[in-house]
Amino acid sequence: MTSIEVAAAGGSGKRTWVSDVEKTLNEADKTVEVAQWERHCIYRVPACIKDIKSKAYQPQVVSLGPFHHGDPNLLPMEEHKRRALRHLLRRAGRPLDDFVAAVEDIAEQLESAYMDLGGEWRAGIDGKGRERFLQMMIVDGCFLLEVMRRTAAGNSKQVDDYAGNDPIFSRHGILYMVPYIKRDMLMLFGEYQKIRSSEDNTQDNDIIRSAVELYEAGIQFKTSKSSSLHNIRFKHGVLSMPTVPVDDSTEYMFLNMMAFERLHVGAGNDVTAYVFFMDNIIDSAKDVALLSSKGIIQNAVGSDKAVAKLFNSISRDVVLEPDSALDAVQRQVNGYFRQPWNMWRANLIHTYFRSPWAFLSLAAAVFLLVMTIMQTVYTVLPFYKPDSNSPPSAPSPM
């Protein structure tokens, strides 16, 4: 190739690149971008978030959707997904083409729901990417429907169209396998959150005391009437909080819900704020024991120390939004705690009532003080009290 041909080829490549950019200039319009980002609701979790606990974002039994499809560790479940599709089609009495047509009508909407969807799943010139995407969505969707249907049925025999020894859809499978499948369903979520500046984080007003310290300052804990995370209130020295069950799936649930809040603009910050708040009031097993005794925590993992470690670990790099409702609650609690009488009360309890020996020492000191005062009173009293046996004094002369 001559130097002229190389220059021409280079110039042609540049013109093609410029042309490609100019064709997409309309995508820089704000209105177009708003619509584009609103459609995204399923994300790949970035490495900076996975560092907290990578296992929490990796499905263990089944892949649902394109992001984990083809993972060698999850391939054994593919045959069970196809079996679920066959069972559903047989009961429905409808051809598979009807399902394909229904999903094909919303294919673009489904594709745009995924952020960073690979080109192997998108509609291309040959159309094979779109076909693979539709097949995966139908198989995975029907599998989920069958899992939910079988779980909702419980021990009912009316929906028992699977073999009694089926590894997934039998009573045995529902008991031992479905809990893992439900956990893997959480992998469909990702995250978003606004982070405060480092200056804000260092303010002492943002630091709430532990549950035990608050209790020592006279703050009472009670369960809310609602299980909503919005229903956390502080009024007249009483902190009302919803009951939260803590089991083996709690960590995965919170991490994935926080991941979704962090990545999806407009999802809010409710779960992240709640985890941040719980991390603040839980420093040790004693805090968990106190909250459990008040019915706020239902501990199903065993030790109180494990629950404390759970909340302290998942809240790493989590910050409360300045305009969060929980931020206002936190300020109210801190304001109550910093009242002089409450601080004195907390210091008294912390110093003298934590240990029985310290309490006995205080009681002994108080007893000795009272006895000393009484002895002093009895010693001084005769000098001011007239003697009843002494003769009355003569009247003064006129």
Protein backbone atom coordinates (compact mmCIF):
# COMPACT_ATOMS: atom_id res chain seq x y z
CA MET A 1 0.00 0.00 0.00
CA THR A 2 1.41 3.38 -1.01
CA SER A 3 1.70 6.33 1.35
CA ILE A 4 -1.18 8.02 -0.50
CA GLU A 5 -3.42 4.98 0.04
CA VAL A 6 -2.49 4.85 3.75
CA ALA A 7 -3.30 8.53 4.17
CA ALA A 8 -6.58 8.06 2.34
CA ALA A 9 -7.45 5.07 4.50
CA GLY A 10 -6.56 7.02 7.65
CA GLY A 11 -8.63 9.98 6.52
CA SER A 12 -11.54 7.71 5.65
CA GLY A 13 -11.39 6.08 9.11
CA LYS A 14 -11.42 9.47 10.77
CA ARG A 15 -14.39 10.60 8.70
CA THR A 16 -16.26 7.42 9.66
CA TRP A 17 -15.57 8.06 13.34
CA VAL A 18 -16.72 11.66 13.07
CA SER A 19 -19.82 10.53 11.21
CA ASP A 20 -20.67 8.00 13.91
CA VAL A 21 -20.43 10.66 16.62
CA GLU A 22 -22.56 13.11 14.66
CA LYS A 23 -25.26 10.47 14.21
CA THR A 24 -25.59 10.13 17.99
CA LEU A 25 -25.64 13.85 18.82
CA ASN A 26 -29.38 13.70 19.45
CA GLU A 27 -28.67 11.32 22.36
CA ALA A 28 -27.00 14.23 24.21
CA ASP A 29 -30.39 15.89 24.59
CA LYS A 30 -31.44 16.09 28.24
CA THR A 31 -34.95 14.83 27.53
CA VAL A 32 -33.60 11.77 25.73
CA GLU A 33 -31.15 11.04 28.54
CA VAL A 34 -33.84 11.28 31.22
CA ALA A 35 -35.97 8.70 29.39
CA GLN A 36 -32.91 6.50 28.86
CA TRP A 37 -31.87 6.40 32.53
CA GLU A 38 -35.44 5.94 33.74
CA ARG A 39 -35.71 2.68 31.82
CA HIS A 40 -32.69 1.13 33.56
CA CYS A 41 -33.55 -0.80 36.73
CA ILE A 42 -31.21 -3.85 36.75
CA TYR A 43 -27.48 -3.27 37.07
CA ARG A 44 -24.11 -4.97 37.23
CA VAL A 45 -22.76 -4.37 40.72
CA PRO A 46 -19.41 -2.48 40.48
CA ALA A 47 -16.27 -3.93 42.02
CA CYS A 48 -16.10 -1.14 44.62
CA ILE A 49 -19.41 -2.38 46.05
CA LYS A 50 -18.64 -6.09 45.71
CA ASP A 51 -15.61 -5.60 47.94
CA ILE A 52 -17.95 -5.45 50.97
CA LYS A 53 -18.93 -9.08 50.44
CA SER A 54 -18.65 -10.47 46.93
CA LYS A 55 -20.62 -13.62 47.74
CA ALA A 56 -23.70 -11.53 48.51
CA TYR A 57 -23.91 -10.46 44.86
CA GLN A 58 -23.14 -13.83 43.27
CA PRO A 59 -25.99 -16.34 42.76
CA GLN A 60 -25.28 -19.72 44.28
CA VAL A 61 -27.88 -21.99 42.65
CA VAL A 62 -29.59 -20.46 39.61
CA SER A 63 -28.93 -17.69 37.08
CA LEU A 64 -31.85 -15.38 36.36
CA GLY A 65 -31.37 -12.94 33.53
CA PRO A 66 -28.36 -12.32 31.28
CA PHE A 67 -25.70 -11.15 33.75
CA HIS A 68 -24.93 -14.57 35.25
CA HIS A 69 -26.20 -16.72 32.39
CA GLY A 70 -23.73 -19.42 31.40
CA ASP A 71 -21.88 -19.49 34.72
CA PRO A 72 -20.50 -23.06 34.95
CA ASN A 73 -21.48 -23.34 38.62
CA LEU A 74 -25.11 -22.57 37.76
CA LEU A 75 -25.54 -24.75 34.66
CA PRO A 76 -27.06 -27.76 36.53
CA MET A 77 -30.22 -25.71 37.15
CA GLU A 78 -30.80 -25.08 33.42
CA GLU A 79 -32.45 -28.48 32.92
CA HIS A 80 -34.82 -27.80 35.82
CA LYS A 81 -35.75 -24.47 34.23
CA ARG A 82 -36.65 -26.20 30.97
CA ARG A 83 -38.72 -28.77 32.89
CA ALA A 84 -40.61 -25.95 34.57
CA LEU A 85 -41.36 -24.45 31.16
CA ARG A 86 -42.75 -27.76 29.90
CA HIS A 87 -45.01 -28.16 32.95
CA LEU A 88 -46.35 -24.63 32.59
CA LEU A 89 -47.03 -25.06 28.85
CA ARG A 90 -48.82 -28.35 29.44
CA ARG A 91 -51.12 -26.85 32.07
CA ALA A 92 -51.75 -23.70 30.04
CA GLY A 93 -52.74 -25.64 26.91
CA ARG A 94 -51.24 -22.89 24.75
CA PRO A 95 -48.46 -23.17 22.15
CA LEU A 96 -45.05 -21.77 22.98
CA ASP A 97 -45.36 -19.36 20.03
CA ASP A 98 -48.03 -17.45 21.96
CA PHE A 99 -45.59 -16.85 24.82
CA VAL A 100 -42.84 -15.83 22.39
CA ALA A 101 -45.14 -13.34 20.65
CA ALA A 102 -46.21 -11.80 23.97
CA VAL A 103 -42.63 -11.33 25.17
CA GLU A 104 -41.46 -10.13 21.76
CA ASP A 105 -43.90 -7.22 21.95
CA ILE A 106 -42.03 -5.86 24.97
CA ALA A 107 -38.53 -7.03 24.00
CA GLU A 108 -37.09 -3.52 23.68
CA GLN A 109 -38.54 -2.54 27.04
CA LEU A 110 -36.96 -5.61 28.64
CA GLU A 111 -33.59 -4.93 27.02
CA SER A 112 -33.53 -1.32 28.18
CA ALA A 113 -34.23 -2.42 31.76
CA TYR A 114 -30.68 -3.83 31.91
CA MET A 115 -27.77 -1.45 32.34
CA ASP A 116 -24.71 -2.56 30.31
CA LEU A 117 -26.51 -5.38 28.52
CA GLY A 118 -23.96 -7.16 26.32
CA GLY A 119 -24.17 -7.10 22.55
CA GLU A 120 -24.68 -10.86 22.44
CA TRP A 121 -28.19 -10.30 23.80
CA ARG A 122 -29.23 -7.35 21.65
CA ALA A 123 -30.95 -7.33 18.29
CA GLY A 124 -28.27 -7.37 15.60
CA ILE A 125 -28.16 -7.78 11.87
CA ASP A 126 -28.73 -11.52 12.08
CA GLY A 127 -31.31 -11.24 14.89
CA LYS A 128 -29.71 -14.09 16.84
CA GLY A 129 -28.97 -11.90 19.87
CA ARG A 130 -32.61 -10.94 20.22
CA GLU A 131 -33.67 -14.58 19.80
CA ARG A 132 -31.30 -15.71 22.58
CA PHE A 133 -32.59 -12.92 24.80
CA LEU A 134 -36.24 -13.87 24.26
CA GLN A 135 -35.52 -17.55 24.90
CA MET A 136 -33.71 -16.77 28.14
CA MET A 137 -36.45 -14.41 29.38
CA ILE A 138 -39.21 -16.94 28.68
CA VAL A 139 -37.39 -19.88 30.26
CA ASP A 140 -36.29 -17.91 33.33
CA GLY A 141 -39.67 -16.20 33.70
CA CYS A 142 -41.64 -19.44 33.55
CA PHE A 143 -39.25 -21.03 36.03
CA LEU A 144 -39.88 -18.19 38.50
CA LEU A 145 -43.63 -18.51 38.03
CA GLU A 146 -43.45 -22.21 38.81
CA VAL A 147 -41.32 -21.62 41.91
CA MET A 148 -43.75 -18.99 43.22
CA ARG A 149 -46.77 -21.14 42.37
CA ARG A 150 -45.37 -24.21 44.09
CA THR A 151 -44.23 -22.24 47.14
CA ALA A 152 -47.62 -20.55 47.55
CA ALA A 153 -49.36 -23.93 47.32
CA GLY A 154 -47.48 -25.32 50.30
CA ASN A 155 -48.58 -28.90 51.00
CA SER A 156 -51.69 -28.66 48.83
CA LYS A 157 -52.11 -31.62 46.48
CA GLN A 158 -54.21 -29.63 43.99
CA VAL A 159 -51.10 -28.25 42.27
CA ASP A 160 -48.92 -31.29 42.76
CA ASP A 161 -48.27 -32.06 39.08
CA TYR A 162 -44.60 -32.79 39.75
CA ALA A 163 -43.15 -36.11 40.85
CA GLY A 164 -43.03 -36.68 44.58
CA ASN A 165 -39.26 -37.04 44.43
CA ASP A 166 -38.68 -33.99 42.19
CA PRO A 167 -35.45 -32.30 43.42
CA ILE A 168 -36.90 -28.78 43.03
CA PHE A 169 -40.70 -28.79 42.96
CA SER A 170 -41.46 -31.55 45.46
CA ARG A 171 -42.15 -30.80 49.12
CA HIS A 172 -38.53 -31.74 49.80
CA GLY A 173 -37.28 -29.32 47.13
CA ILE A 174 -39.47 -26.49 48.42
CA LEU A 175 -38.01 -27.04 51.86
CA TYR A 176 -34.33 -27.36 50.94
CA MET A 177 -33.77 -25.79 47.50
CA VAL A 178 -36.27 -22.96 47.08
CA PRO A 179 -34.78 -20.82 49.90
CA TYR A 180 -31.53 -20.65 47.90
CA ILE A 181 -33.44 -19.83 44.72
CA LYS A 182 -35.27 -17.01 46.51
CA ARG A 183 -31.95 -15.61 47.69
CA ASP A 184 -30.57 -15.74 44.15
CA MET A 185 -33.58 -13.72 42.98
CA LEU A 186 -32.04 -10.82 44.90
CA MET A 187 -29.24 -10.74 42.33
CA LEU A 188 -31.68 -8.93 40.03
CA PHE A 189 -31.08 -5.77 42.05
CA GLY A 190 -28.27 -3.24 42.09
CA GLU A 191 -27.76 0.23 43.94
CA TYR A 192 -27.62 4.20 44.49
CA GLN A 193 -26.86 6.58 47.29
CA LYS A 194 -25.72 10.15 47.88
CA ILE A 195 -22.68 10.43 50.11
CA ARG A 196 -22.05 13.30 52.45
CA SER A 197 -18.80 15.18 52.47
CA SER A 198 -16.09 14.10 54.88
CA GLU A 199 -16.56 17.32 56.82
CA ASP A 200 -20.17 16.43 57.57
CA ASN A 201 -19.20 12.95 58.72
CA THR A 202 -16.86 14.29 61.37
CA GLN A 203 -19.50 16.37 63.08
CA ASP A 204 -20.26 15.09 66.56
CA ASN A 205 -23.96 15.81 66.01
CA ASP A 206 -24.06 13.04 63.41
CA ILE A 207 -22.84 10.39 65.85
CA ILE A 208 -25.65 8.65 67.70
CA ARG A 209 -24.93 6.67 70.84
CA SER A 210 -25.36 2.93 71.19
CA ALA A 211 -28.68 1.46 72.31
CA VAL A 212 -27.33 0.67 75.79
CA GLU A 213 -26.00 4.22 76.24
CA LEU A 214 -29.32 5.69 75.11
CA TYR A 215 -31.17 3.39 77.49
CA GLU A 216 -28.95 4.48 80.36
CA ALA A 217 -29.80 8.11 79.53
CA GLY A 218 -33.49 7.35 80.00
CA ILE A 219 -34.49 6.69 76.38
CA GLN A 220 -37.01 3.88 76.08
CA PHE A 221 -37.34 1.50 73.12
CA LYS A 222 -40.59 0.06 71.81
CA THR A 223 -41.83 -1.60 68.63
CA SER A 224 -43.73 0.38 66.00
CA LYS A 225 -47.22 -0.60 64.96
CA SER A 226 -46.03 -0.87 61.35
CA SER A 227 -43.16 -2.86 59.86
CA SER A 228 -42.30 -0.03 57.44
CA LEU A 229 -38.81 1.43 57.65
CA HIS A 230 -40.47 4.85 57.46
CA ASN A 231 -42.10 4.25 60.83
CA ILE A 232 -39.15 5.20 63.07
CA ARG A 233 -40.14 7.94 65.50
CA PHE A 234 -38.73 9.63 68.60
CA LYS A 235 -41.17 11.36 70.93
CA HIS A 236 -41.11 12.14 74.65
CA GLY A 237 -38.00 10.05 75.23
CA VAL A 238 -39.37 6.96 73.44
CA LEU A 239 -37.72 5.60 70.27
CA SER A 240 -40.22 3.55 68.25
CA MET A 241 -38.79 1.17 65.65
CA PRO A 242 -40.21 -1.61 63.44
CA THR A 243 -39.47 -5.23 64.26
CA VAL A 244 -36.77 -6.70 62.00
CA PRO A 245 -36.23 -10.47 61.72
CA VAL A 246 -32.55 -11.35 61.36
CA ASP A 247 -31.78 -14.70 59.73
CA ASP A 248 -29.35 -16.18 57.22
CA SER A 249 -30.85 -14.21 54.31
CA THR A 250 -30.92 -10.79 56.00
CA GLU A 251 -27.40 -9.83 54.98
CA TYR A 252 -28.00 -10.67 51.30
CA MET A 253 -31.33 -8.86 51.31
CA PHE A 254 -29.97 -5.61 52.77
CA LEU A 255 -26.82 -5.59 50.63
CA ASN A 256 -28.72 -6.05 47.38
CA MET A 257 -31.42 -3.53 48.28
CA MET A 258 -28.73 -0.99 49.17
CA ALA A 259 -27.01 -1.82 45.90
CA PHE A 260 -30.19 -1.01 43.99
CA GLU A 261 -30.61 2.30 45.85
CA ARG A 262 -27.04 3.24 45.06
CA LEU A 263 -27.23 2.62 41.31
CA HIS A 264 -30.84 3.49 40.47
CA VAL A 265 -31.36 7.24 40.60
CA GLY A 266 -34.71 7.99 42.18
CA ALA A 267 -34.94 4.74 44.15
CA GLY A 268 -34.51 6.64 47.39
CA ASN A 269 -32.27 5.98 50.34
CA ASP A 270 -34.60 4.34 52.86
CA VAL A 271 -32.87 0.97 53.26
CA THR A 272 -29.39 2.51 53.28
CA ALA A 273 -30.46 5.05 55.92
CA TYR A 274 -32.00 2.30 58.06
CA VAL A 275 -28.85 0.15 57.94
CA PHE A 276 -26.75 3.22 58.80
CA PHE A 277 -29.02 3.98 61.77
CA MET A 278 -28.90 0.38 63.04
CA ASP A 279 -25.12 0.35 62.75
CA ASN A 280 -24.98 3.47 64.91
CA ILE A 281 -27.09 2.09 67.75
CA ILE A 282 -25.52 -1.39 67.63
CA ASP A 283 -21.92 -1.53 68.82
CA SER A 284 -21.85 -4.84 70.67
CA ALA A 285 -23.83 -7.92 71.64
CA LYS A 286 -25.25 -5.98 74.62
CA ASP A 287 -27.02 -3.59 72.26
CA VAL A 288 -28.50 -6.50 70.32
CA ALA A 289 -29.64 -8.15 73.56
CA LEU A 290 -31.38 -4.93 74.64
CA LEU A 291 -33.14 -4.46 71.28
CA SER A 292 -34.14 -8.13 71.27
CA SER A 293 -35.65 -7.82 74.74
CA LYS A 294 -37.76 -4.92 73.46
CA GLY A 295 -38.97 -6.92 70.43
CA ILE A 296 -37.16 -4.75 67.87
CA ILE A 297 -34.80 -7.53 66.73
CA GLN A 298 -35.97 -11.11 66.20
CA ASN A 299 -32.70 -13.02 66.34
CA ALA A 300 -32.81 -16.21 64.28
CA VAL A 301 -29.05 -16.52 63.68
CA GLY A 302 -28.10 -17.51 67.21
CA SER A 303 -25.64 -15.27 69.02
CA ASP A 304 -26.16 -11.57 69.65
CA LYS A 305 -22.53 -11.02 68.66
CA ALA A 306 -23.25 -12.37 65.15
CA VAL A 307 -26.11 -9.90 64.69
CA ALA A 308 -23.93 -6.99 65.81
CA LYS A 309 -21.20 -8.07 63.40
CA LEU A 310 -23.74 -8.30 60.57
CA PHE A 311 -24.96 -4.71 60.88
CA ASN A 312 -21.46 -3.35 61.47
CA SER A 313 -20.06 -5.08 58.38
CA ILE A 314 -22.77 -4.30 55.81
CA SER A 315 -22.79 -0.61 56.74
CA ARG A 316 -19.23 -0.02 55.59
CA ASP A 317 -19.01 3.09 53.35
CA VAL A 318 -22.70 3.80 54.02
CA VAL A 319 -23.72 7.37 54.92
CA LEU A 320 -27.09 8.87 55.84
CA GLU A 321 -28.52 11.41 53.41
CA PRO A 322 -28.78 14.96 54.83
CA ASP A 323 -32.48 15.18 53.93
CA SER A 324 -33.33 11.72 55.25
CA ALA A 325 -36.18 11.39 57.74
CA LEU A 326 -33.88 9.28 59.91
CA ASP A 327 -31.39 12.14 60.02
CA ALA A 328 -34.03 14.23 61.81
CA VAL A 329 -34.74 11.37 64.22
CA GLN A 330 -31.04 11.06 64.91
CA ARG A 331 -30.77 14.77 65.76
CA GLN A 332 -33.76 14.49 68.11
CA VAL A 333 -32.22 11.52 69.91
CA ASN A 334 -28.87 13.29 70.25
CA GLY A 335 -30.58 16.44 71.54
CA TYR A 336 -32.38 14.44 74.23
CA PHE A 337 -29.22 12.56 75.17
CA ARG A 338 -27.21 15.80 75.58
CA GLN A 339 -29.59 17.33 78.11
CA PRO A 340 -27.56 17.78 81.36
CA TRP A 341 -29.83 15.65 83.53
CA ASN A 342 -29.85 12.78 81.03
CA MET A 343 -26.07 12.89 80.60
CA TRP A 344 -25.60 12.89 84.40
CA ARG A 345 -28.03 9.98 84.75
CA ALA A 346 -26.25 8.00 82.03
CA ASN A 347 -22.84 8.65 83.62
CA LEU A 348 -24.14 7.59 87.04
CA ILE A 349 -25.57 4.33 85.72
CA HIS A 350 -22.52 3.62 83.57
CA THR A 351 -20.11 4.25 86.46
CA TYR A 352 -21.90 2.73 89.44
CA PHE A 353 -24.56 0.34 88.23
CA ARG A 354 -22.77 -1.69 85.54
CA SER A 355 -21.03 -3.90 88.14
CA PRO A 356 -22.61 -5.32 91.33
CA TRP A 357 -19.37 -4.55 93.22
CA ALA A 358 -19.48 -0.93 92.11
CA PHE A 359 -23.10 -0.74 93.21
CA LEU A 360 -22.27 -2.28 96.61
CA SER A 361 -19.42 0.20 97.04
CA LEU A 362 -21.77 3.08 96.25
CA ALA A 363 -24.43 1.72 98.61
CA ALA A 364 -21.85 1.33 101.40
CA ALA A 365 -20.60 4.87 100.86
CA VAL A 366 -24.14 6.25 100.96
CA PHE A 367 -24.89 4.24 104.11
CA LEU A 368 -21.77 5.53 105.87
CA LEU A 369 -22.63 9.08 104.82
CA VAL A 370 -26.15 8.76 106.25
CA MET A 371 -24.84 7.24 109.49
CA THR A 372 -22.28 10.02 109.85
CA ILE A 373 -24.95 12.68 109.37
CA MET A 374 -27.25 11.00 111.88
CA GLN A 375 -24.43 10.73 114.44
CA THR A 376 -23.61 14.40 113.98
CA VAL A 377 -27.26 15.37 114.42
CA TYR A 378 -27.61 13.35 117.63
CA THR A 379 -24.40 14.87 118.97
CA VAL A 380 -25.38 18.47 118.29
CA LEU A 381 -29.08 18.20 119.13
CA PRO A 382 -28.72 18.28 123.01
CA PHE A 383 -27.06 21.70 122.85
CA TYR A 384 -30.18 23.20 121.26
CA LYS A 385 -32.87 21.18 123.04
CA PRO A 386 -33.72 22.38 126.64
CA ASP A 387 -33.36 19.82 129.49
CA SER A 388 -36.83 18.80 130.80
CA ASN A 389 -35.45 18.02 134.33
CA SER A 390 -33.96 21.48 134.96
CA PRO A 391 -36.06 23.87 137.22
CA PRO A 392 -37.88 26.67 135.49
CA SER A 393 -36.10 30.00 135.53
CA ALA A 394 -37.31 32.75 137.92
CA PRO A 395 -39.34 35.53 136.43
CA SER A 396 -37.51 38.74 135.79
CA PRO A 397 -38.10 41.54 138.35
CA MET A 398 -40.67 44.17 137.52
